[in-house]
Amino acid sequence: MELNANHVEAILFGAARPVKLSEMKSLLSNQGIKVELSEIKEVLNDLELRYQDASLSILEVASGYRLQIKSEFSELIYPMWSDTQARTSKALMETISIIAYKQPVTRGDIEDIRGVSVSSQIIRTLLDKNWIQAAGYRDVPGRPTLYKTTTNFLDDLQVKSISDLPPLPEIEDASIDLVDDDFNLQTG
């Protein structure tokens, strides 16, 4: 069997999560479709063109490629989502921003930057969302945990790497707001 765009489209639609090129190759190979990674990438480019004037898009994020609804159409389906989903608080956004830009950091580092204590619930929420993970321990008394962001966080932010985050503004005074309204987190 020969590869066509419908094969890749079906994988992305059915996965409902980002899929790596190598995983697509493996899935296709299991169905008797022998293909090179470059051919899959070419099909992804063709799909991007196909979706240019559609409500869907192919997006490359940290953990692969995904099929998603373009942001300008998201308001149409928003009412179908549960209203009981927890909103992302300003404190949580400040905390994840500090971790993203200063990683790896300890809870104490975050508290020093924010100027207030970080609740255990915020750290727990970030761990539960799989937006952060332990990256080791600082070699000081008490050996506090170092935290860093995960590929899941990058996927939800719709970026490939930390270097794709918007630059921090120049520091003019000691009070800097690390939360950038350009972040478009997919919560839930």
Protein backbone atom coordinates (compact mmCIF):
# COMPACT_ATOMS: atom_id res chain seq x y z
CA MET A 1 0.00 0.00 0.00
CA GLU A 2 1.21 3.50 -0.78
CA LEU A 3 1.17 6.45 1.65
CA ASN A 4 -1.39 9.20 1.13
CA ALA A 5 -2.50 12.23 3.12
CA ASN A 6 -5.55 10.42 4.51
CA HIS A 7 -3.31 7.98 6.40
CA VAL A 8 -1.45 10.74 8.24
CA GLU A 9 -4.64 12.75 8.75
CA ALA A 10 -6.34 9.71 10.33
CA ILE A 11 -3.41 9.18 12.70
CA LEU A 12 -3.43 12.81 13.85
CA PHE A 13 -7.22 12.93 14.21
CA GLY A 14 -7.41 9.62 16.04
CA ALA A 15 -4.51 10.30 18.39
CA ALA A 16 -6.01 13.45 19.94
CA ARG A 17 -2.46 14.27 21.11
CA PRO A 18 0.82 15.20 19.45
CA VAL A 19 2.41 12.37 17.47
CA LYS A 20 6.11 12.12 16.57
CA LEU A 21 7.17 11.39 12.99
CA SER A 22 8.81 8.15 14.15
CA GLU A 23 5.55 7.03 15.80
CA MET A 24 3.63 7.75 12.58
CA LYS A 25 6.21 5.73 10.63
CA SER A 26 5.80 2.83 13.03
CA LEU A 27 1.98 2.91 12.84
CA LEU A 28 2.09 3.04 9.05
CA SER A 29 4.67 0.26 8.91
CA ASN A 30 2.42 -1.94 11.08
CA GLN A 31 -0.22 -1.55 8.34
CA GLY A 32 2.20 -2.56 5.59
CA ILE A 33 2.91 0.98 4.40
CA LYS A 34 6.68 1.33 4.05
CA VAL A 35 7.59 5.00 4.24
CA GLU A 36 10.48 7.31 5.08
CA LEU A 37 10.25 10.11 7.65
CA SER A 38 10.83 12.66 4.86
CA GLU A 39 7.73 11.35 3.04
CA ILE A 40 5.62 11.77 6.16
CA LYS A 41 6.94 15.32 6.59
CA GLU A 42 6.05 16.03 2.95
CA VAL A 43 2.50 14.77 3.56
CA LEU A 44 2.27 16.99 6.66
CA ASN A 45 3.27 19.97 4.51
CA ASP A 46 0.56 19.03 1.99
CA LEU A 47 -2.00 18.80 4.79
CA GLU A 48 -0.96 22.24 6.04
CA LEU A 49 -1.72 23.60 2.57
CA ARG A 50 -5.03 21.71 2.45
CA TYR A 51 -6.07 23.26 5.77
CA GLN A 52 -4.93 26.77 4.86
CA ASP A 53 -8.53 27.97 4.34
CA ALA A 54 -10.14 25.52 6.77
CA SER A 55 -10.95 25.57 10.48
CA LEU A 56 -8.24 23.00 11.20
CA SER A 57 -4.47 23.26 11.23
CA ILE A 58 -1.45 21.02 11.64
CA LEU A 59 0.81 22.29 14.41
CA GLU A 60 4.28 21.09 15.37
CA VAL A 61 4.80 21.24 19.12
CA ALA A 62 7.46 19.89 21.48
CA SER A 63 6.29 16.29 21.40
CA GLY A 64 5.29 15.99 17.74
CA TYR A 65 2.54 17.07 15.37
CA ARG A 66 -1.14 17.50 16.10
CA LEU A 67 -4.34 18.34 14.30
CA GLN A 68 -6.25 21.12 16.02
CA ILE A 69 -8.94 23.73 15.58
CA LYS A 70 -7.60 27.16 14.64
CA SER A 71 -7.87 29.67 17.46
CA GLU A 72 -10.32 31.90 15.56
CA PHE A 73 -12.85 29.03 15.61
CA SER A 74 -12.36 27.94 19.22
CA GLU A 75 -15.15 30.21 20.52
CA LEU A 76 -17.65 28.18 18.48
CA ILE A 77 -16.98 25.02 20.45
CA TYR A 78 -16.22 26.62 23.83
CA PRO A 79 -19.83 26.16 25.07
CA MET A 80 -19.42 22.39 24.66
CA TRP A 81 -16.59 22.33 27.18
CA SER A 82 -17.32 21.89 30.85
CA ASP A 83 -17.80 25.14 32.73
CA THR A 84 -16.51 23.39 35.84
CA GLN A 85 -12.92 23.39 34.61
CA ALA A 86 -10.69 25.26 36.99
CA ARG A 87 -9.46 28.60 35.73
CA THR A 88 -5.75 29.22 35.69
CA SER A 89 -5.07 31.64 38.54
CA LYS A 90 -2.68 34.58 38.34
CA ALA A 91 -0.52 32.97 41.06
CA LEU A 92 -0.30 29.74 39.06
CA MET A 93 0.59 31.66 35.89
CA GLU A 94 3.28 33.63 37.73
CA THR A 95 4.71 30.40 39.15
CA ILE A 96 4.79 28.54 35.82
CA SER A 97 6.28 31.62 34.13
CA ILE A 98 9.11 31.77 36.65
CA ILE A 99 9.79 28.06 36.24
CA ALA A 100 9.74 28.34 32.43
CA TYR A 101 12.12 31.30 32.26
CA LYS A 102 14.45 30.48 35.17
CA GLN A 103 14.48 26.67 35.21
CA PRO A 104 15.56 24.67 37.01
CA VAL A 105 14.33 26.45 40.15
CA THR A 106 13.38 25.54 43.69
CA ARG A 107 10.22 26.58 45.45
CA GLY A 108 12.40 29.01 47.45
CA ASP A 109 13.69 30.58 44.20
CA ILE A 110 10.10 31.08 43.04
CA GLU A 111 9.16 32.65 46.37
CA ASP A 112 12.16 35.00 46.20
CA ILE A 113 11.15 36.17 42.73
CA ARG A 114 7.40 36.45 43.45
CA GLY A 115 7.93 37.95 46.89
CA VAL A 116 5.23 35.72 48.40
CA SER A 117 5.09 32.09 49.43
CA VAL A 118 4.09 29.49 46.87
CA SER A 119 1.24 27.32 48.03
CA SER A 120 1.67 23.57 47.90
CA GLN A 121 -1.56 23.46 45.89
CA ILE A 122 -0.01 25.46 43.04
CA ILE A 123 2.97 23.11 42.82
CA ARG A 124 0.62 20.10 43.06
CA THR A 125 -1.61 21.51 40.28
CA LEU A 126 1.38 22.07 38.00
CA LEU A 127 2.63 18.54 38.70
CA ASP A 128 -0.88 17.10 38.14
CA LYS A 129 -1.21 18.95 34.81
CA ASN A 130 2.22 17.55 33.93
CA TRP A 131 3.45 21.08 33.22
CA ILE A 132 6.44 20.68 35.58
CA GLN A 133 8.57 17.85 36.88
CA ALA A 134 11.34 17.35 39.38
CA ALA A 135 14.74 17.91 37.76
CA GLY A 136 16.87 16.91 40.71
CA TYR A 137 17.83 18.48 44.02
CA ARG A 138 19.93 21.51 44.87
CA ASP A 139 23.06 20.56 46.79
CA VAL A 140 22.34 22.71 49.86
CA PRO A 141 21.01 21.85 53.30
CA GLY A 142 17.50 20.44 53.00
CA ARG A 143 18.17 19.42 49.38
CA PRO A 144 15.18 21.30 47.88
CA THR A 145 13.63 19.94 44.70
CA LEU A 146 14.52 21.65 41.44
CA TYR A 147 11.60 22.06 39.03
CA LYS A 148 11.58 22.38 35.25
CA THR A 149 8.86 22.48 32.61
CA THR A 150 7.79 19.45 30.58
CA THR A 151 7.08 18.86 26.92
CA ASN A 152 3.40 18.68 27.89
CA PHE A 153 3.63 22.32 29.05
CA LEU A 154 5.24 23.28 25.73
CA ASP A 155 2.54 21.38 23.84
CA ASP A 156 -0.21 23.20 25.74
CA LEU A 157 1.56 26.50 25.10
CA GLN A 158 1.81 25.50 21.42
CA VAL A 159 5.58 25.95 21.14
CA LYS A 160 8.38 23.57 20.18
CA SER A 161 10.92 24.66 22.80
CA ILE A 162 11.53 27.05 25.68
CA SER A 163 13.51 29.25 23.29
CA ASP A 164 10.23 29.92 21.42
CA LEU A 165 8.75 31.71 24.45
CA PRO A 166 8.39 35.47 24.07
CA PRO A 167 11.43 37.34 25.43
CA LEU A 168 11.23 38.78 28.90
CA PRO A 169 10.80 42.56 28.92
CA GLU A 170 13.79 44.63 29.94
CA ILE A 171 13.84 45.07 33.71
CA GLU A 172 13.27 48.71 34.51
CA ASP A 173 12.47 48.20 38.18
CA ALA A 174 12.29 45.41 40.72
CA SER A 175 8.61 44.66 40.05
CA ILE A 176 8.22 42.68 36.85
CA ASP A 177 5.12 40.83 35.75
CA LEU A 178 6.27 37.51 34.30
CA VAL A 179 2.80 36.62 33.03
CA ASP A 180 2.53 37.35 29.32
CA ASP A 181 -0.95 37.70 27.87
CA ASP A 182 0.36 36.25 24.59
CA PHE A 183 0.53 32.80 26.21
CA ASN A 184 -2.34 30.68 24.94
CA LEU A 185 -2.51 27.76 27.33
CA GLN A 186 -4.88 24.93 26.54
CA THR A 187 -6.12 24.04 30.02
CA GLY A 188 -8.17 21.07 30.97
